[in-house]
Every structure is written in C-alpha cells, then in structure tokens.
Amino acid sequence: MTTYTAYFRTDAEFACHEVEADTPEQALDEMRKRSASDPSTLWFEPYDCGMPVNEIAIHDDDGNEVSVWRDEEVCLRLAGRALRDALMQAVVALNQAPNFSVPGLSTDSYRIATICDKAIALAKEGLA
C-alpha cells in the first residue's frame, strides 16, 4: 500500500489527512466516504491569508433578500449545472447538423462539439 495525502479545501478552511491505499482512486474514494460520514475527524484549519469576499447579500427587516452581489466564481458555481446541460444539448445539435465552418473561430461545427464535450467531461468529473 501507498500512503497518500488528501487535501480537503473549502472557501474558508482546509484539512490534510494521510490515507493508505493501493491506488490514488481508492484513496480518493476512502476520503470522500470519510468526509461524508465523519467530517469532524478532518480538523479543518483557516487559511493563513485573508479570504476574499465571494458574496454580499442585503436583507430587509422581514428577512427578504433585496440586493445581492456575487463574484465570478460564485456565479459560475451557481450556473454550472445549467451550463453543462446547455452544452450537452449544443453537442447534440452540432453533431446532428451538417458540418459547417465557423470563420471567426477558424474551426467547424464538429470541432466545436468536441470542445463542448471536453467542457462537459470537466463538469461531470466532480459528480462521480
């Protein structure tokens, strides 16, 4: 068995934990199970540097959110599933249509579909 170090990262804290496993994939699976079943054993610590503000929400006296600002990372996180689903539909459409060139991109519809497929794979990577 090999000893691996797992790093757990949130927006505000991090934790490190060593795990013995035969493969990196087994180590990841074990650490995912541990973080889901007993996260208190991970001992999260704050980052040394100040954390950036990702969202500011203004609520009225009744507790209703009346104004909000989000940074780009939060906006992408919130839109992630919708973007993935839109890309999946775009790939189907691009692959069903006859191949056509896209002059501004110096590519064709099938190559665009391939680029979309790569983005979809990245989006699905964390959903295993």
C-alpha atoms as a PDB file:
ATOM      1  CA  MET A   1       0.000   0.000   0.000  1.00  0.00           C
ATOM      2  CA  THR A   2       0.997   3.576  -0.619  1.00  0.00           C
ATOM      3  CA  THR A   3       0.496   6.475   1.763  1.00  0.00           C
ATOM      4  CA  TYR A   4      -1.294   9.399   0.099  1.00  0.00           C
ATOM      5  CA  THR A   5      -2.065  12.835   1.486  1.00  0.00           C
ATOM      6  CA  ALA A   6      -5.612  14.058   0.943  1.00  0.00           C
ATOM      7  CA  TYR A   7      -6.233  17.807   0.951  1.00  0.00           C
ATOM      8  CA  PHE A   8      -9.767  18.963   1.721  1.00  0.00           C
ATOM      9  CA  ARG A   9     -10.470  22.551   0.680  1.00  0.00           C
ATOM     10  CA  THR A  10     -13.421  24.806   1.332  1.00  0.00           C
ATOM     11  CA  ASP A  11     -13.673  28.526   0.624  1.00  0.00           C
ATOM     12  CA  ALA A  12     -12.668  29.287   4.220  1.00  0.00           C
ATOM     13  CA  GLU A  13     -10.664  26.344   5.565  1.00  0.00           C
ATOM     14  CA  PHE A  14      -8.537  23.363   4.650  1.00  0.00           C
ATOM     15  CA  ALA A  15      -7.673  19.990   6.139  1.00  0.00           C
ATOM     16  CA  CYS A  16      -4.991  17.393   5.380  1.00  0.00           C
ATOM     17  CA  HIS A  17      -5.201  13.722   6.139  1.00  0.00           C
ATOM     18  CA  GLU A  18      -2.994  10.771   5.254  1.00  0.00           C
ATOM     19  CA  VAL A  19      -4.580   7.611   3.892  1.00  0.00           C
ATOM     20  CA  GLU A  20      -3.146   4.269   2.862  1.00  0.00           C
ATOM     21  CA  ALA A  21      -4.494   2.726  -0.315  1.00  0.00           C
ATOM     22  CA  ASP A  22      -3.426   0.687  -3.316  1.00  0.00           C
ATOM     23  CA  THR A  23      -4.292   3.408  -5.844  1.00  0.00           C
ATOM     24  CA  PRO A  24      -4.980   7.157  -5.836  1.00  0.00           C
ATOM     25  CA  GLU A  25      -8.569   6.398  -6.869  1.00  0.00           C
ATOM     26  CA  GLN A  26      -9.052   4.146  -3.822  1.00  0.00           C
ATOM     27  CA  ALA A  27      -7.575   6.863  -1.601  1.00  0.00           C
ATOM     28  CA  LEU A  28      -9.997   9.425  -3.071  1.00  0.00           C
ATOM     29  CA  ASP A  29     -12.951   7.085  -2.602  1.00  0.00           C
ATOM     30  CA  GLU A  30     -11.977   6.432   1.031  1.00  0.00           C
ATOM     31  CA  MET A  31     -11.588  10.144   1.779  1.00  0.00           C
ATOM     32  CA  ARG A  32     -14.906  11.003   0.118  1.00  0.00           C
ATOM     33  CA  LYS A  33     -16.608   8.404   2.308  1.00  0.00           C
ATOM     34  CA  ARG A  34     -14.862   9.740   5.410  1.00  0.00           C
ATOM     35  CA  SER A  35     -15.786  13.366   4.675  1.00  0.00           C
ATOM     36  CA  ALA A  36     -19.426  12.345   4.181  1.00  0.00           C
ATOM     37  CA  SER A  37     -19.723  10.056   7.201  1.00  0.00           C
ATOM     38  CA  ASP A  38     -17.458  11.705   9.809  1.00  0.00           C
ATOM     39  CA  PRO A  39     -16.177  15.143   8.771  1.00  0.00           C
ATOM     40  CA  SER A  40     -15.335  16.093  12.368  1.00  0.00           C
ATOM     41  CA  THR A  41     -12.195  13.916  12.165  1.00  0.00           C
ATOM     42  CA  LEU A  42     -10.720  16.116   9.435  1.00  0.00           C
ATOM     43  CA  TRP A  43      -9.688  19.042  11.702  1.00  0.00           C
ATOM     44  CA  PHE A  44     -10.173  21.961   9.361  1.00  0.00           C
ATOM     45  CA  GLU A  45      -7.892  24.992   9.778  1.00  0.00           C
ATOM     46  CA  PRO A  46      -8.305  28.524   8.429  1.00  0.00           C
ATOM     47  CA  TYR A  47      -6.085  29.683   5.587  1.00  0.00           C
ATOM     48  CA  ASP A  48      -3.175  31.918   6.601  1.00  0.00           C
ATOM     49  CA  CYS A  49      -4.162  34.714   4.261  1.00  0.00           C
ATOM     50  CA  GLY A  50      -7.380  36.677   4.346  1.00  0.00           C
ATOM     51  CA  MET A  51     -10.240  35.155   2.425  1.00  0.00           C
ATOM     52  CA  PRO A  52     -11.825  37.148  -0.389  1.00  0.00           C
ATOM     53  CA  VAL A  53     -15.456  38.127  -0.092  1.00  0.00           C
ATOM     54  CA  ASN A  54     -17.469  35.995  -2.533  1.00  0.00           C
ATOM     55  CA  GLU A  55     -20.972  37.283  -1.852  1.00  0.00           C
ATOM     56  CA  ILE A  56     -22.689  40.214  -0.170  1.00  0.00           C
ATOM     57  CA  ALA A  57     -26.429  39.906   0.457  1.00  0.00           C
ATOM     58  CA  ILE A  58     -28.683  42.673   1.774  1.00  0.00           C
ATOM     59  CA  HIS A  59     -31.851  41.641   3.650  1.00  0.00           C
ATOM     60  CA  ASP A  60     -34.756  43.829   4.723  1.00  0.00           C
ATOM     61  CA  ASP A  61     -36.405  43.815   8.177  1.00  0.00           C
ATOM     62  CA  ASP A  62     -38.563  40.839   7.148  1.00  0.00           C
ATOM     63  CA  GLY A  63     -35.541  38.749   6.202  1.00  0.00           C
ATOM     64  CA  ASN A  64     -36.102  39.022   2.444  1.00  0.00           C
ATOM     65  CA  GLU A  65     -33.014  39.262   0.270  1.00  0.00           C
ATOM     66  CA  VAL A  66     -33.402  42.582  -1.532  1.00  0.00           C
ATOM     67  CA  SER A  67     -29.992  43.006  -3.139  1.00  0.00           C
ATOM     68  CA  VAL A  68     -27.037  40.729  -3.790  1.00  0.00           C
ATOM     69  CA  TRP A  69     -23.556  40.840  -5.282  1.00  0.00           C
ATOM     70  CA  ARG A  70     -21.601  37.685  -6.173  1.00  0.00           C
ATOM     71  CA  ASP A  71     -18.097  37.330  -7.553  1.00  0.00           C
ATOM     72  CA  GLU A  72     -17.418  35.476 -10.786  1.00  0.00           C
ATOM     73  CA  GLU A  73     -16.546  32.169  -9.074  1.00  0.00           C
ATOM     74  CA  VAL A  74     -19.837  32.036  -7.182  1.00  0.00           C
ATOM     75  CA  CYS A  75     -21.773  32.944 -10.329  1.00  0.00           C
ATOM     76  CA  LEU A  76     -20.042  30.136 -12.244  1.00  0.00           C
ATOM     77  CA  ARG A  77     -20.736  27.687  -9.424  1.00  0.00           C
ATOM     78  CA  LEU A  78     -24.421  28.598  -9.392  1.00  0.00           C
ATOM     79  CA  ALA A  79     -24.655  28.336 -13.194  1.00  0.00           C
ATOM     80  CA  GLY A  80     -22.550  25.178 -13.516  1.00  0.00           C
ATOM     81  CA  ARG A  81     -25.301  22.590 -13.962  1.00  0.00           C
ATOM     82  CA  ALA A  82     -27.275  24.797 -16.356  1.00  0.00           C
ATOM     83  CA  LEU A  83     -24.143  25.454 -18.420  1.00  0.00           C
ATOM     84  CA  ARG A  84     -23.339  21.736 -18.518  1.00  0.00           C
ATOM     85  CA  ASP A  85     -26.893  20.882 -19.603  1.00  0.00           C
ATOM     86  CA  ALA A  86     -26.820  23.593 -22.290  1.00  0.00           C
ATOM     87  CA  LEU A  87     -23.505  22.278 -23.622  1.00  0.00           C
ATOM     88  CA  MET A  88     -24.909  18.759 -23.773  1.00  0.00           C
ATOM     89  CA  GLN A  89     -27.801  20.000 -25.908  1.00  0.00           C
ATOM     90  CA  ALA A  90     -25.427  22.063 -28.065  1.00  0.00           C
ATOM     91  CA  VAL A  91     -23.292  18.979 -28.753  1.00  0.00           C
ATOM     92  CA  VAL A  92     -26.341  17.039 -29.933  1.00  0.00           C
ATOM     93  CA  ALA A  93     -27.382  19.919 -32.202  1.00  0.00           C
ATOM     94  CA  LEU A  94     -23.866  20.453 -33.591  1.00  0.00           C
ATOM     95  CA  ASN A  95     -23.432  16.761 -34.350  1.00  0.00           C
ATOM     96  CA  GLN A  96     -26.868  16.441 -35.991  1.00  0.00           C
ATOM     97  CA  ALA A  97     -26.425  19.357 -38.372  1.00  0.00           C
ATOM     98  CA  PRO A  98     -24.269  19.001 -41.468  1.00  0.00           C
ATOM     99  CA  ASN A  99     -20.698  20.068 -40.759  1.00  0.00           C
ATOM    100  CA  PHE A 100     -20.355  23.829 -41.207  1.00  0.00           C
ATOM    101  CA  SER A 101     -17.395  26.139 -40.822  1.00  0.00           C
ATOM    102  CA  VAL A 102     -17.274  28.933 -38.280  1.00  0.00           C
ATOM    103  CA  PRO A 103     -14.937  31.548 -39.778  1.00  0.00           C
ATOM    104  CA  GLY A 104     -14.467  33.675 -36.647  1.00  0.00           C
ATOM    105  CA  LEU A 105     -13.250  30.619 -34.751  1.00  0.00           C
ATOM    106  CA  SER A 106     -11.259  29.058 -37.601  1.00  0.00           C
ATOM    107  CA  THR A 107     -12.979  25.760 -36.912  1.00  0.00           C
ATOM    108  CA  ASP A 108     -16.047  23.752 -37.824  1.00  0.00           C
ATOM    109  CA  SER A 109     -19.174  22.587 -36.024  1.00  0.00           C
ATOM    110  CA  TYR A 110     -17.737  19.145 -35.231  1.00  0.00           C
ATOM    111  CA  ARG A 111     -14.626  20.656 -33.624  1.00  0.00           C
ATOM    112  CA  ILE A 112     -16.844  22.963 -31.562  1.00  0.00           C
ATOM    113  CA  ALA A 113     -18.791  19.890 -30.420  1.00  0.00           C
ATOM    114  CA  THR A 114     -15.506  18.270 -29.372  1.00  0.00           C
ATOM    115  CA  ILE A 115     -14.574  21.359 -27.323  1.00  0.00           C
ATOM    116  CA  CYS A 116     -18.022  21.248 -25.690  1.00  0.00           C
ATOM    117  CA  ASP A 117     -17.562  17.544 -24.920  1.00  0.00           C
ATOM    118  CA  LYS A 118     -14.304  18.335 -23.086  1.00  0.00           C
ATOM    119  CA  ALA A 119     -16.045  21.027 -21.005  1.00  0.00           C
ATOM    120  CA  ILE A 120     -18.883  18.612 -20.191  1.00  0.00           C
ATOM    121  CA  ALA A 121     -16.369  15.989 -19.066  1.00  0.00           C
ATOM    122  CA  LEU A 122     -14.752  18.550 -16.740  1.00  0.00           C
ATOM    123  CA  ALA A 123     -18.160  19.488 -15.327  1.00  0.00           C
ATOM    124  CA  LYS A 124     -19.065  15.847 -14.688  1.00  0.00           C
ATOM    125  CA  GLU A 125     -15.669  14.983 -13.160  1.00  0.00           C
ATOM    126  CA  GLY A 126     -16.674  16.079  -9.670  1.00  0.00           C
ATOM    127  CA  LEU A 127     -20.067  14.396  -9.829  1.00  0.00           C
ATOM    128  CA  ALA A 128     -18.823  10.789  -9.726  1.00  0.00           C
END
